[in-house]
Amino acid sequence: MTPISYPRTYKLKIQVFNEQPDFGPGVATILSLVKETNSLRQACAAIHMSYSKGWKIIGRAEQDLGFSLLEGTAGGSQGGGSHLTPEAEEMLERYSAFMAEAQGSVDALFHKYFT
């Protein structure tokens, strides 16, 4: 009898939401990049996403969560930009901490059942 070859790895994707699964790793990545670059356009470019798609993703998450994630400043001689709202900062922090803890727990379960 040939021994079973169990999986060696897994992928965990968690989304948090009220009605529609709109806040997950994609939104968290966009928000992290906006925080780093102060620009939604640059954040989207960094992950090879169109600016309009980025706005749609953020808009759906804002609609479901019931609060704004980004605030923008108009262009001009200094150029425009985007930054996270205080609510977005807290949401990103909570989501990141939740994901880190969930990942640790799921790692232990994966090891228990597949190694």
Protein backbone atom coordinates (compact mmCIF):
# COMPACT_ATOMS: atom_id res chain seq x y z
CA MET A 1 0.00 0.00 0.00
CA THR A 2 1.35 3.42 -0.99
CA PRO A 3 1.50 5.93 1.86
CA ILE A 4 -0.74 8.99 1.59
CA SER A 5 1.06 12.17 0.59
CA TYR A 6 -0.54 14.88 2.69
CA PRO A 7 -0.47 18.56 1.74
CA ARG A 8 2.64 20.47 2.78
CA THR A 9 1.12 23.93 3.01
CA TYR A 10 -2.16 25.85 3.04
CA LYS A 11 -3.57 29.28 2.35
CA LEU A 12 -5.71 31.15 4.85
CA LYS A 13 -7.92 34.01 3.70
CA ILE A 14 -10.13 35.77 6.22
CA GLN A 15 -12.53 38.58 5.47
CA VAL A 16 -14.41 40.58 8.09
CA PHE A 17 -17.65 42.33 7.29
CA ASN A 18 -21.18 43.28 8.26
CA GLU A 19 -23.19 42.22 5.18
CA GLN A 20 -20.77 41.69 2.27
CA PRO A 21 -17.26 40.19 2.48
CA ASP A 22 -15.47 43.41 1.58
CA PHE A 23 -12.60 43.77 4.08
CA GLY A 24 -9.86 41.21 3.68
CA PRO A 25 -6.24 40.88 2.64
CA GLY A 26 -6.72 42.99 -0.50
CA VAL A 27 -8.17 46.01 1.30
CA ALA A 28 -5.60 45.62 4.08
CA THR A 29 -2.80 45.65 1.50
CA ILE A 30 -4.19 48.75 -0.22
CA LEU A 31 -4.56 50.56 3.11
CA SER A 32 -1.04 49.60 4.19
CA LEU A 33 0.37 50.93 0.92
CA VAL A 34 -1.65 54.15 1.16
CA LYS A 35 -0.28 54.60 4.67
CA GLU A 36 3.23 54.15 3.30
CA THR A 37 2.89 56.27 0.14
CA ASN A 38 0.13 58.76 1.04
CA SER A 39 -1.39 57.96 -2.34
CA LEU A 40 -4.13 55.60 -3.44
CA ARG A 41 -2.85 55.89 -7.02
CA GLN A 42 0.65 54.78 -5.97
CA ALA A 43 -0.75 52.02 -3.75
CA CYS A 44 -2.76 50.63 -6.65
CA ALA A 45 0.19 50.88 -9.03
CA ALA A 46 2.38 48.96 -6.57
CA ILE A 47 0.05 45.96 -6.78
CA HIS A 48 -0.66 46.38 -10.51
CA MET A 49 -4.26 47.43 -9.97
CA SER A 50 -6.06 50.21 -11.76
CA TYR A 51 -6.82 53.30 -9.72
CA SER A 52 -10.54 53.00 -10.52
CA LYS A 53 -10.63 49.39 -9.31
CA GLY A 54 -8.87 50.43 -6.10
CA TRP A 55 -11.48 53.13 -5.49
CA LYS A 56 -14.27 50.62 -6.09
CA ILE A 57 -12.78 48.14 -3.63
CA ILE A 58 -12.31 50.82 -0.97
CA GLY A 59 -15.82 52.18 -1.64
CA ARG A 60 -17.45 48.77 -1.17
CA ALA A 61 -15.58 48.24 2.10
CA GLU A 62 -16.57 51.72 3.33
CA GLN A 63 -20.20 51.09 2.45
CA ASP A 64 -20.27 47.79 4.34
CA LEU A 65 -18.35 49.04 7.36
CA GLY A 66 -20.29 52.30 7.61
CA PHE A 67 -17.29 54.63 7.84
CA SER A 68 -14.69 56.21 5.57
CA LEU A 69 -11.32 54.54 5.16
CA LEU A 70 -9.53 57.26 3.19
CA GLU A 71 -9.39 61.03 3.20
CA GLY A 72 -7.95 62.87 0.26
CA THR A 73 -6.35 66.22 -0.36
CA ALA A 74 -6.75 68.07 -3.62
CA GLY A 75 -3.81 68.58 -5.96
CA GLY A 76 -2.05 71.85 -6.49
CA SER A 77 1.60 72.81 -6.33
CA GLN A 78 2.23 70.19 -3.65
CA GLY A 79 0.13 67.55 -5.40
CA GLY A 80 -2.79 65.67 -3.91
CA GLY A 81 -2.80 62.60 -1.81
CA SER A 82 -4.70 60.20 0.38
CA HIS A 83 -4.34 59.14 3.96
CA LEU A 84 -6.10 56.75 6.27
CA THR A 85 -8.88 57.97 8.52
CA PRO A 86 -8.48 57.27 12.23
CA GLU A 87 -11.13 54.55 11.84
CA ALA A 88 -9.15 52.96 9.01
CA GLU A 89 -5.97 53.04 11.10
CA GLU A 90 -7.78 51.21 13.91
CA MET A 91 -9.46 48.75 11.53
CA LEU A 92 -6.14 47.93 9.85
CA GLU A 93 -4.44 47.48 13.21
CA ARG A 94 -7.22 45.20 14.51
CA TYR A 95 -7.37 43.18 11.27
CA SER A 96 -3.59 42.72 11.22
CA ALA A 97 -3.51 41.58 14.86
CA PHE A 98 -6.48 39.26 14.28
CA MET A 99 -4.82 37.76 11.19
CA ALA A 100 -1.52 37.21 13.01
CA GLU A 101 -3.24 35.39 15.86
CA ALA A 102 -5.48 33.39 13.52
CA GLN A 103 -2.46 32.41 11.40
CA GLY A 104 -0.66 31.10 14.49
CA SER A 105 -3.66 29.03 15.54
CA VAL A 106 -4.22 27.64 12.07
CA ASP A 107 -0.51 26.84 11.72
CA ALA A 108 -0.78 24.69 14.85
CA LEU A 109 -3.91 22.95 13.54
CA PHE A 110 -2.34 22.34 10.14
CA HIS A 111 0.72 20.83 11.80
CA LYS A 112 -1.50 18.66 14.01
CA TYR A 113 -3.48 17.22 11.10
CA PHE A 114 -1.07 17.17 8.16
CA THR A 115 2.47 16.60 9.42
